[in-house]
């Protein structure tokens, strides 16, 4: 696709000073008859003409292509890459700077992603990168890229504006879930066997040996250990249940609600969705209730549907009257069997009952039957995730954002021309000189098993 290019030039502060000195020398030499002043004026004018010609010539043949990563999470560093190509056969491009303008949907102030390279050979290519961290989820507009150079004397800047606009979605920030978050969900639904399903033909996952008991199956006898001990020993299995949950995000916000509570609710829902669907045996659905209602039916271990859930959470808008009637209709007809319903809200259940008297009695029935878990992020967030940095040292259950961009594994050298931390609303975009990503990796301890 052909992109519109607009080339402009303007004098720098040094260029204005040089122009002033040149005009002063020219007038002084002409009025006083000083040949040295005229020579000086000629040199200043020649330098300005060389600056104009060389800067324009070196930048007009440079083309740029933006390489945006597939998955961008708020709070995590991500790498933007720019492929520069100098189409000139004879003239190299020196001191090239790239500025990419970013506009958030939340606030009007714009930010910039800035990076650069000292040289692009004639007919050559150069891949540069800049590390960026978005502080808030949502839709961002990339307004266009500016290619700038001040070569050779920094007397003027030549700028090429490319209208290669794009849109990107920044996913919610993922929280560090506590180790006991899944066990707490299953414990809440204890006694409701319809919510869980055994997986596999065996009784569960093998984790140890024990002595023989009446009623044990003979096929679980561990003969090697039995021969060594002189008594029958059988394999012991951990009874695994499949978690079958429905996540509902109640994006309620009025004049008295802290906007950060909505962001915490969205982040907790995204972390739970990634944690549940990361297990090949668990299942989760998502219902987002805000200015509109969106539903995503997930499947166990489906990365595509997990990404669709996170995109739905990234574009969720809060409301003072969430569309709960449509949400309950989806919840009631999507599945016959009962399941764990986890409501993540910015208000208490009593406040919800007062604001939604028409359907609150329906959810109250789920609550009394232990099918409903109401998580108020204002008071219960610490029960699900680690919000204290000191606790994170001793207890971490990190959820790694899914990464589908193969180019993220490539180290690209970047040379930032200027540090430009630019706010986008309440966000902060920063740059660094490395091309590495700051994704959090998940560490799992593997228990030692007995030799079968």
Protein backbone atom coordinates (compact mmCIF):
# COMPACT_ATOMS: atom_id res chain seq x y z
CA UNK A 1 0.00 0.00 0.00
CA UNK A 2 1.38 3.39 -1.04
CA UNK A 3 1.84 5.74 1.88
CA UNK A 4 1.72 9.51 1.64
CA UNK A 5 5.04 11.18 2.43
CA UNK A 6 5.54 14.83 3.28
CA UNK A 7 9.05 16.29 3.53
CA UNK A 8 9.59 19.48 5.51
CA UNK A 9 12.67 21.39 6.70
CA UNK A 10 13.16 23.95 9.45
CA UNK A 11 16.11 25.72 10.98
CA UNK A 12 17.36 24.67 14.41
CA UNK A 13 18.43 27.18 17.06
CA UNK A 14 22.01 26.80 15.87
CA UNK A 15 20.82 27.42 12.33
CA UNK A 16 19.10 30.66 13.32
CA UNK A 17 22.28 31.79 15.08
CA UNK A 18 24.35 31.00 11.97
CA UNK A 19 21.88 32.82 9.75
CA UNK A 20 22.01 35.88 12.02
CA UNK A 21 25.83 35.90 11.98
CA UNK A 22 25.86 35.50 8.20
CA UNK A 23 23.42 38.37 7.62
CA UNK A 24 25.33 40.58 10.10
CA UNK A 25 28.66 39.83 8.37
CA UNK A 26 27.17 40.46 4.94
CA UNK A 27 25.70 43.84 5.92
CA UNK A 28 28.86 44.86 7.79
CA UNK A 29 31.12 43.91 4.89
CA UNK A 30 28.96 45.69 2.34
CA UNK A 31 28.64 48.90 4.34
CA UNK A 32 32.23 49.07 5.61
CA UNK A 33 33.95 47.47 2.66
CA UNK A 34 35.51 44.68 4.77
CA UNK A 35 36.26 41.76 2.46
CA UNK A 36 36.88 39.36 5.36
CA UNK A 37 33.31 39.89 6.60
CA UNK A 38 32.02 39.17 3.11
CA UNK A 39 34.08 35.98 2.98
CA UNK A 40 32.69 34.98 6.40
CA UNK A 41 29.17 35.68 5.20
CA UNK A 42 29.77 33.53 2.14
CA UNK A 43 31.00 30.65 4.27
CA UNK A 44 27.91 30.86 6.52
CA UNK A 45 25.56 30.89 3.55
CA UNK A 46 27.44 27.98 1.95
CA UNK A 47 27.13 25.96 5.17
CA UNK A 48 23.39 26.60 5.30
CA UNK A 49 22.98 25.57 1.65
CA UNK A 50 25.00 22.39 2.21
CA UNK A 51 22.90 21.61 5.29
CA UNK A 52 19.67 22.09 3.32
CA UNK A 53 20.79 19.97 0.38
CA UNK A 54 22.51 17.10 2.20
CA UNK A 55 19.86 16.64 4.90
CA UNK A 56 17.10 16.61 2.30
CA UNK A 57 18.98 14.26 0.02
CA UNK A 58 19.87 11.76 2.77
CA UNK A 59 16.33 11.45 4.19
CA UNK A 60 14.06 11.54 1.14
CA UNK A 61 14.93 7.97 0.10
CA UNK A 62 14.57 6.40 3.53
CA UNK A 63 11.50 4.20 4.05
CA UNK A 64 10.29 2.76 7.36
CA UNK A 65 8.14 -0.22 8.25
CA UNK A 66 6.65 -0.64 11.74
CA UNK A 67 6.73 -4.13 13.31
CA UNK A 68 4.17 -4.22 16.11
CA UNK A 69 4.22 -7.19 18.55
CA UNK A 70 1.12 -9.36 18.64
CA UNK A 71 0.50 -9.35 22.40
CA UNK A 72 0.97 -6.18 24.46
CA UNK A 73 0.16 -6.27 28.17
CA UNK A 74 -0.12 -3.24 30.42
CA UNK A 75 2.69 -3.08 32.93
CA UNK A 76 5.00 -5.31 30.85
CA UNK A 77 7.76 -4.09 28.59
CA UNK A 78 7.20 -4.81 24.94
CA UNK A 79 9.47 -4.16 21.97
CA UNK A 80 8.47 -2.07 18.96
CA UNK A 81 10.69 -2.65 15.94
CA UNK A 82 11.21 -0.45 12.92
CA UNK A 83 12.79 -1.64 9.70
CA UNK A 84 14.57 1.19 7.87
CA UNK A 85 15.57 0.92 4.21
CA UNK A 86 17.69 3.40 2.31
CA UNK A 87 16.64 3.21 -1.33
CA UNK A 88 19.34 5.61 -2.50
CA UNK A 89 22.08 3.96 -4.54
CA UNK A 90 24.85 6.44 -3.64
CA UNK A 91 23.94 8.51 -0.60
CA UNK A 92 24.03 7.03 2.93
CA UNK A 93 21.66 8.31 5.60
CA UNK A 94 23.27 9.64 8.75
CA UNK A 95 21.83 10.46 12.20
CA UNK A 96 18.35 9.09 11.48
CA UNK A 97 15.75 9.43 14.22
CA UNK A 98 12.32 7.76 14.36
CA UNK A 99 9.33 9.22 16.24
CA UNK A 100 6.08 7.25 16.42
CA UNK A 101 3.09 9.19 17.79
CA UNK A 102 0.70 7.28 20.08
CA UNK A 103 -2.81 8.42 21.02
CA UNK A 104 -4.85 6.80 23.79
CA UNK A 105 -8.61 6.41 23.76
CA UNK A 106 -8.80 7.48 27.40
CA UNK A 107 -7.12 10.90 27.36
CA UNK A 108 -6.18 13.53 24.79
CA UNK A 109 -2.40 14.00 25.42
CA UNK A 110 -0.20 12.19 22.93
CA UNK A 111 2.98 10.24 23.54
CA UNK A 112 5.92 9.30 21.38
CA UNK A 113 8.04 6.23 20.86
CA UNK A 114 11.52 7.46 19.91
CA UNK A 115 14.58 5.59 18.69
CA UNK A 116 17.22 5.96 15.98
CA UNK A 117 20.37 4.81 14.27
CA UNK A 118 23.62 6.63 13.37
CA UNK A 119 23.95 5.27 9.83
CA UNK A 120 22.07 3.49 7.07
CA UNK A 121 24.34 2.55 4.20
CA UNK A 122 23.32 3.32 0.61
CA UNK A 123 20.96 0.56 -0.49
CA UNK A 124 21.09 -0.99 2.98
CA UNK A 125 18.61 -1.88 5.69
CA UNK A 126 18.67 -1.45 9.44
CA UNK A 127 16.42 -2.91 12.13
CA UNK A 128 16.09 -0.77 15.26
CA UNK A 129 13.91 -1.21 18.33
CA UNK A 130 12.55 0.58 21.36
CA UNK A 131 11.21 -0.91 24.59
CA UNK A 132 7.84 0.48 25.61
CA UNK A 133 5.68 0.00 28.71
CA UNK A 134 1.98 0.91 28.63
CA UNK A 135 0.54 1.58 32.06
CA UNK A 136 -3.10 1.10 31.09
CA UNK A 137 -5.15 -1.23 28.93
CA UNK A 138 -7.29 -0.08 26.01
CA UNK A 139 -7.16 0.83 22.34
CA UNK A 140 -4.28 3.00 21.15
CA UNK A 141 -3.93 4.76 17.82
CA UNK A 142 -0.54 4.99 16.11
CA UNK A 143 -0.91 8.28 14.24
CA UNK A 144 2.14 8.10 12.00
CA UNK A 145 5.92 7.92 11.87
CA UNK A 146 8.32 10.82 11.46
CA UNK A 147 11.79 10.23 10.02
CA UNK A 148 14.14 13.01 11.15
CA UNK A 149 17.76 13.89 10.47
CA UNK A 150 19.93 16.93 11.26
CA UNK A 151 22.96 15.77 9.25
CA UNK A 152 25.57 17.14 8.68
CA UNK A 153 25.91 20.36 10.75
CA UNK A 154 22.69 20.34 12.82
CA UNK A 155 21.75 23.70 11.33
CA UNK A 156 18.34 22.40 10.22
CA UNK A 157 16.18 19.31 10.54
CA UNK A 158 14.68 17.46 7.59
CA UNK A 159 11.50 15.56 8.47
CA UNK A 160 9.55 13.02 6.45
CA UNK A 161 6.03 12.40 7.76
CA UNK A 162 4.54 9.02 6.83
CA UNK A 163 0.80 8.50 7.32
CA UNK A 164 1.05 4.80 8.16
CA UNK A 165 -1.62 4.80 10.87
CA UNK A 166 -2.47 1.67 12.84
CA UNK A 167 -4.50 0.54 15.83
CA UNK A 168 -3.32 -1.69 18.63
CA UNK A 169 -4.96 -3.22 21.69
CA UNK A 170 -3.13 -3.19 25.01
CA UNK A 171 -4.25 -6.10 27.19
CA UNK A 172 -4.97 -5.74 30.91
CA UNK A 173 -2.17 -5.99 33.42
CA UNK A 174 -1.72 -9.53 34.74
CA UNK A 175 -1.50 -10.00 38.50
CA UNK A 176 0.53 -12.48 40.53
CA UNK A 177 -2.08 -14.95 41.74
CA UNK A 178 -1.66 -16.68 45.05
CA UNK A 179 -0.80 -20.35 45.07
CA UNK A 180 -4.10 -21.25 46.71
CA UNK A 181 -6.44 -19.41 44.32
CA UNK A 182 -7.66 -22.52 42.50
CA UNK A 183 -7.94 -24.54 45.69
CA UNK A 184 -10.09 -21.78 47.19
CA UNK A 185 -12.52 -22.00 44.26
CA UNK A 186 -12.86 -25.76 44.59
CA UNK A 187 -13.20 -25.53 48.36
CA UNK A 188 -16.01 -23.00 47.97
CA UNK A 189 -17.94 -25.49 45.86
CA UNK A 190 -17.31 -28.49 48.12
CA UNK A 191 -20.23 -30.87 48.13
CA UNK A 192 -21.41 -29.90 44.67
CA UNK A 193 -20.04 -32.78 42.65
CA UNK A 194 -21.86 -31.67 39.54
CA UNK A 195 -19.39 -28.83 39.16
CA UNK A 196 -16.38 -31.13 38.81
CA UNK A 197 -15.56 -33.88 36.36
CA UNK A 198 -12.93 -36.55 36.74
CA UNK A 199 -10.31 -36.55 34.02
CA UNK A 200 -8.75 -39.59 32.35
CA UNK A 201 -9.21 -43.30 32.83
CA UNK A 202 -7.10 -43.41 35.98
CA UNK A 203 -7.96 -42.25 39.46
CA UNK A 204 -5.66 -39.26 39.12
CA UNK A 205 -1.98 -38.41 39.02
CA UNK A 206 0.47 -40.78 40.69
CA UNK A 207 2.36 -39.16 43.56
CA UNK A 208 3.38 -41.91 46.01
CA UNK A 209 3.02 -45.41 47.50
CA UNK A 210 1.13 -46.73 50.50
CA UNK A 211 0.30 -50.04 52.13
CA UNK A 212 -2.38 -52.38 50.81
CA UNK A 213 -5.93 -51.80 52.01
CA UNK A 214 -9.05 -53.87 51.55
CA UNK A 215 -10.91 -52.78 48.42
CA UNK A 216 -7.82 -51.64 46.52
CA UNK A 217 -7.59 -52.74 42.90
CA UNK A 218 -4.95 -55.35 42.16
CA UNK A 219 -3.80 -53.50 39.05
CA UNK A 220 -2.40 -50.70 41.25
CA UNK A 221 -0.04 -53.01 43.16
CA UNK A 222 3.59 -51.92 42.82
CA UNK A 223 5.26 -55.33 42.65
CA UNK A 224 8.87 -54.16 42.81
CA UNK A 225 8.33 -52.26 46.08
CA UNK A 226 6.14 -55.07 47.44
CA UNK A 227 8.96 -57.58 46.85
CA UNK A 228 11.49 -55.32 48.54
CA UNK A 229 9.30 -54.63 51.61
CA UNK A 230 7.83 -58.10 51.89
CA UNK A 231 4.32 -56.62 52.02
CA UNK A 232 1.89 -55.38 49.41
CA UNK A 233 2.25 -51.73 48.40
CA UNK A 234 -0.06 -49.94 45.99
CA UNK A 235 0.24 -46.76 43.96
CA UNK A 236 -1.49 -43.71 45.39
CA UNK A 237 -3.12 -41.17 43.12
CA UNK A 238 -4.18 -37.58 43.55
CA UNK A 239 -7.83 -37.14 42.70
CA UNK A 240 -7.91 -34.43 40.05
CA UNK A 241 -11.11 -32.54 39.33
CA UNK A 242 -11.76 -30.34 36.35
CA UNK A 243 -12.46 -26.74 37.20
CA UNK A 244 -15.51 -25.54 35.29
CA UNK A 245 -15.96 -21.81 35.94
CA UNK A 246 -17.70 -18.77 34.55
CA UNK A 247 -16.03 -15.41 35.12
CA UNK A 248 -18.28 -12.34 35.25
CA UNK A 249 -16.79 -8.86 35.40
CA UNK A 250 -19.15 -6.30 36.93
CA UNK A 251 -17.65 -3.03 35.61
CA UNK A 252 -19.66 -0.73 37.85
CA UNK A 253 -18.41 2.83 38.19
CA UNK A 254 -20.15 5.97 39.42
CA UNK A 255 -18.96 9.30 40.75
CA UNK A 256 -17.91 7.72 44.05
CA UNK A 257 -16.06 4.75 42.55
CA UNK A 258 -12.29 4.83 42.25
CA UNK A 259 -11.42 4.22 38.56
CA UNK A 260 -8.49 2.06 39.66
CA UNK A 261 -10.96 -0.45 41.12
CA UNK A 262 -12.29 -1.12 37.62
CA UNK A 263 -8.76 -1.70 36.37
CA UNK A 264 -8.09 -4.06 39.29
CA UNK A 265 -11.26 -6.04 38.51
CA UNK A 266 -10.31 -6.34 34.85
CA UNK A 267 -6.75 -7.37 35.69
CA UNK A 268 -7.93 -10.03 38.16
CA UNK A 269 -10.36 -11.45 35.59
CA UNK A 270 -7.63 -11.59 32.93
CA UNK A 271 -5.23 -13.31 35.34
CA UNK A 272 -7.85 -15.91 36.30
CA UNK A 273 -8.75 -16.55 32.67
CA UNK A 274 -5.10 -17.13 31.72
CA UNK A 275 -4.56 -19.29 34.83
CA UNK A 276 -7.62 -21.47 34.23
CA UNK A 277 -7.24 -21.92 30.47
CA UNK A 278 -3.53 -22.55 30.91
CA UNK A 279 -4.50 -25.95 32.33
CA UNK A 280 -5.52 -28.43 29.64
CA UNK A 281 -8.23 -29.93 31.86
CA UNK A 282 -9.94 -26.76 33.13
CA UNK A 283 -12.66 -24.76 31.44
CA UNK A 284 -13.78 -21.14 31.74
CA UNK A 285 -16.27 -18.78 30.14
CA UNK A 286 -16.23 -14.99 30.37
CA UNK A 287 -19.05 -12.46 30.58
CA UNK A 288 -18.15 -8.75 30.59
CA UNK A 289 -20.87 -6.49 31.97
CA UNK A 290 -20.45 -2.76 31.39
CA UNK A 291 -21.87 -0.31 28.88
CA UNK A 292 -22.57 -3.43 26.84
CA UNK A 293 -22.45 -7.17 27.47
CA UNK A 294 -19.95 -9.43 25.71
CA UNK A 295 -19.67 -13.19 26.11
CA UNK A 296 -16.75 -15.48 25.25
CA UNK A 297 -17.16 -19.24 25.65
CA UNK A 298 -13.76 -20.75 26.35
CA UNK A 299 -12.40 -24.25 25.98
CA UNK A 300 -9.67 -25.92 27.95
CA UNK A 301 -6.20 -25.12 26.64
CA UNK A 302 -7.47 -23.02 23.70
CA UNK A 303 -5.01 -20.16 23.27
CA UNK A 304 -7.11 -18.45 20.60
CA UNK A 305 -10.16 -18.20 22.85
CA UNK A 306 -7.99 -17.11 25.77
CA UNK A 307 -6.69 -14.26 23.62
CA UNK A 308 -10.25 -13.37 22.64
CA UNK A 309 -11.19 -13.17 26.34
CA UNK A 310 -8.31 -10.83 27.10
CA UNK A 311 -9.24 -8.62 24.11
CA UNK A 312 -12.81 -8.41 25.41
CA UNK A 313 -11.50 -7.33 28.82
CA UNK A 314 -9.12 -4.79 27.24
CA UNK A 315 -12.01 -2.96 25.53
CA UNK A 316 -14.47 -3.17 28.45
CA UNK A 317 -15.97 0.20 29.41
CA UNK A 318 -17.36 0.79 32.89
CA UNK A 319 -20.90 2.03 33.48
CA UNK A 320 -23.05 3.21 36.37
CA UNK A 321 -25.81 0.87 35.09
CA UNK A 322 -24.15 -2.36 33.84
CA UNK A 323 -26.31 -4.49 31.53
CA UNK A 324 -26.91 -7.31 34.02
CA UNK A 325 -30.19 -8.51 32.53
CA UNK A 326 -28.48 -9.57 29.31
CA UNK A 327 -25.64 -11.10 31.33
CA UNK A 328 -28.01 -13.29 33.35
CA UNK A 329 -29.78 -14.46 30.20
CA UNK A 330 -26.44 -15.62 28.78
CA UNK A 331 -25.54 -17.24 32.09
CA UNK A 332 -28.86 -19.06 32.34
CA UNK A 333 -28.98 -20.55 28.85
CA UNK A 334 -25.34 -21.28 28.06
CA UNK A 335 -25.11 -24.51 30.08
CA UNK A 336 -27.56 -26.83 31.79
CA UNK A 337 -25.21 -28.13 34.46
CA UNK A 338 -24.34 -25.78 37.32
CA UNK A 339 -20.81 -24.41 37.58
CA UNK A 340 -18.70 -22.07 39.67
CA UNK A 341 -19.77 -18.53 38.91
CA UNK A 342 -17.10 -16.02 39.95
CA UNK A 343 -18.31 -12.42 39.91
CA UNK A 344 -15.49 -9.87 40.05
CA UNK A 345 -16.97 -6.52 40.97
CA UNK A 346 -16.12 -3.07 42.27
CA UNK A 347 -19.03 -3.14 44.76
CA UNK A 348 -20.38 -5.44 47.45
CA UNK A 349 -23.12 -7.99 46.91
CA UNK A 350 -25.51 -5.92 49.04
CA UNK A 351 -24.91 -2.89 46.86
CA UNK A 352 -25.56 -5.01 43.80
CA UNK A 353 -28.83 -6.26 45.29
CA UNK A 354 -29.93 -2.70 45.99
CA UNK A 355 -29.09 -1.53 42.45
CA UNK A 356 -30.52 -4.60 40.65
CA UNK A 357 -33.57 -5.65 42.61
CA UNK A 358 -35.16 -7.28 39.54
CA UNK A 359 -32.52 -10.02 39.13
CA UNK A 360 -30.68 -9.99 42.45
CA UNK A 361 -32.88 -12.78 43.85
CA UNK A 362 -31.78 -15.04 40.99
CA UNK A 363 -28.10 -14.63 41.86
CA UNK A 364 -28.93 -14.90 45.56
CA UNK A 365 -30.14 -18.45 44.89
CA UNK A 366 -26.75 -19.27 43.36
CA UNK A 367 -25.03 -17.73 46.35
CA UNK A 368 -26.91 -19.84 48.91
CA UNK A 369 -26.20 -23.03 46.95
CA UNK A 370 -22.46 -22.21 46.97
CA UNK A 371 -22.40 -21.85 43.18
CA UNK A 372 -21.61 -18.13 43.31
CA UNK A 373 -18.37 -16.52 44.47
CA UNK A 374 -18.58 -12.73 44.81
CA UNK A 375 -15.16 -11.04 44.74
CA UNK A 376 -15.18 -7.37 45.66
CA UNK A 377 -11.79 -6.06 44.52
CA UNK A 378 -11.93 -3.24 47.06
CA UNK A 379 -11.71 -5.70 49.99
CA UNK A 380 -11.00 -9.16 48.50
CA UNK A 381 -8.23 -8.50 45.95
CA UNK A 382 -5.55 -9.49 48.47
CA UNK A 383 -7.21 -12.91 48.87
CA UNK A 384 -6.72 -13.69 45.17
CA UNK A 385 -3.52 -11.93 44.16
CA UNK A 386 -0.34 -10.62 45.72
CA UNK A 387 -0.60 -6.85 45.84
CA UNK A 388 2.25 -6.27 48.30
CA UNK A 389 5.73 -6.32 46.78
CA UNK A 390 7.20 -7.74 49.99
CA UNK A 391 4.85 -10.71 49.89
CA UNK A 392 5.75 -11.34 46.27
CA UNK A 393 9.27 -12.25 47.35
CA UNK A 394 8.01 -15.16 49.47
CA UNK A 395 4.96 -16.21 47.49
CA UNK A 396 4.70 -15.84 43.73
CA UNK A 397 2.39 -17.46 41.26
CA UNK A 398 3.12 -15.48 38.13
CA UNK A 399 1.01 -15.74 35.04
CA UNK A 400 3.00 -15.31 31.85
CA UNK A 401 1.26 -13.45 29.04
CA UNK A 402 0.80 -15.68 26.00
CA UNK A 403 3.40 -14.84 23.36
CA UNK A 404 2.73 -15.62 19.73
CA UNK A 405 5.18 -13.22 18.09
CA UNK A 406 8.18 -15.25 16.95
CA UNK A 407 10.17 -12.10 16.30
CA UNK A 408 10.18 -11.33 20.02
CA UNK A 409 12.99 -13.82 20.39
CA UNK A 410 15.26 -11.77 18.12
CA UNK A 411 17.62 -9.30 19.78
CA UNK A 412 17.65 -6.03 17.81
CA UNK A 413 20.14 -3.34 18.66
CA UNK A 414 18.61 0.08 19.20
CA UNK A 415 20.20 3.47 19.71
CA UNK A 416 17.88 5.97 21.38
CA UNK A 417 18.60 9.52 20.24
CA UNK A 418 16.69 11.13 23.10
CA UNK A 419 15.02 9.88 26.26
CA UNK A 420 11.34 10.79 25.93
CA UNK A 421 9.09 9.53 28.73
CA UNK A 422 5.71 10.70 27.42
CA UNK A 423 2.43 10.47 29.33
CA UNK A 424 -0.67 9.16 27.60
CA UNK A 425 -3.34 10.16 30.07
CA UNK A 426 -2.30 8.36 33.20
CA UNK A 427 0.04 6.09 31.22
CA UNK A 428 3.77 6.46 30.84
CA UNK A 429 5.67 5.32 27.77
CA UNK A 430 9.36 4.81 28.25
CA UNK A 431 12.22 3.82 26.01
CA UNK A 432 15.43 1.96 26.64
CA UNK A 433 18.41 0.92 24.58
CA UNK A 434 17.93 -2.81 24.75
CA UNK A 435 15.68 -4.97 22.66
CA UNK A 436 14.82 -7.49 25.34
CA UNK A 437 11.36 -8.08 26.77
CA UNK A 438 10.44 -7.90 30.44
CA UNK A 439 7.87 -10.63 30.49
CA UNK A 440 7.40 -12.46 33.78
CA UNK A 441 8.10 -16.15 33.54
CA UNK A 442 6.18 -18.68 35.51
CA UNK A 443 8.18 -20.80 37.93
CA UNK A 444 6.69 -24.10 38.93
CA UNK A 445 8.13 -26.52 41.41
CA UNK A 446 8.07 -30.15 40.39
CA UNK A 447 7.64 -32.66 43.20
CA UNK A 448 9.97 -35.65 43.31
CA UNK A 449 8.13 -38.83 42.55
CA UNK A 450 8.91 -42.35 43.70
CA UNK A 451 10.50 -44.75 41.24
CA UNK A 452 7.83 -46.84 39.65
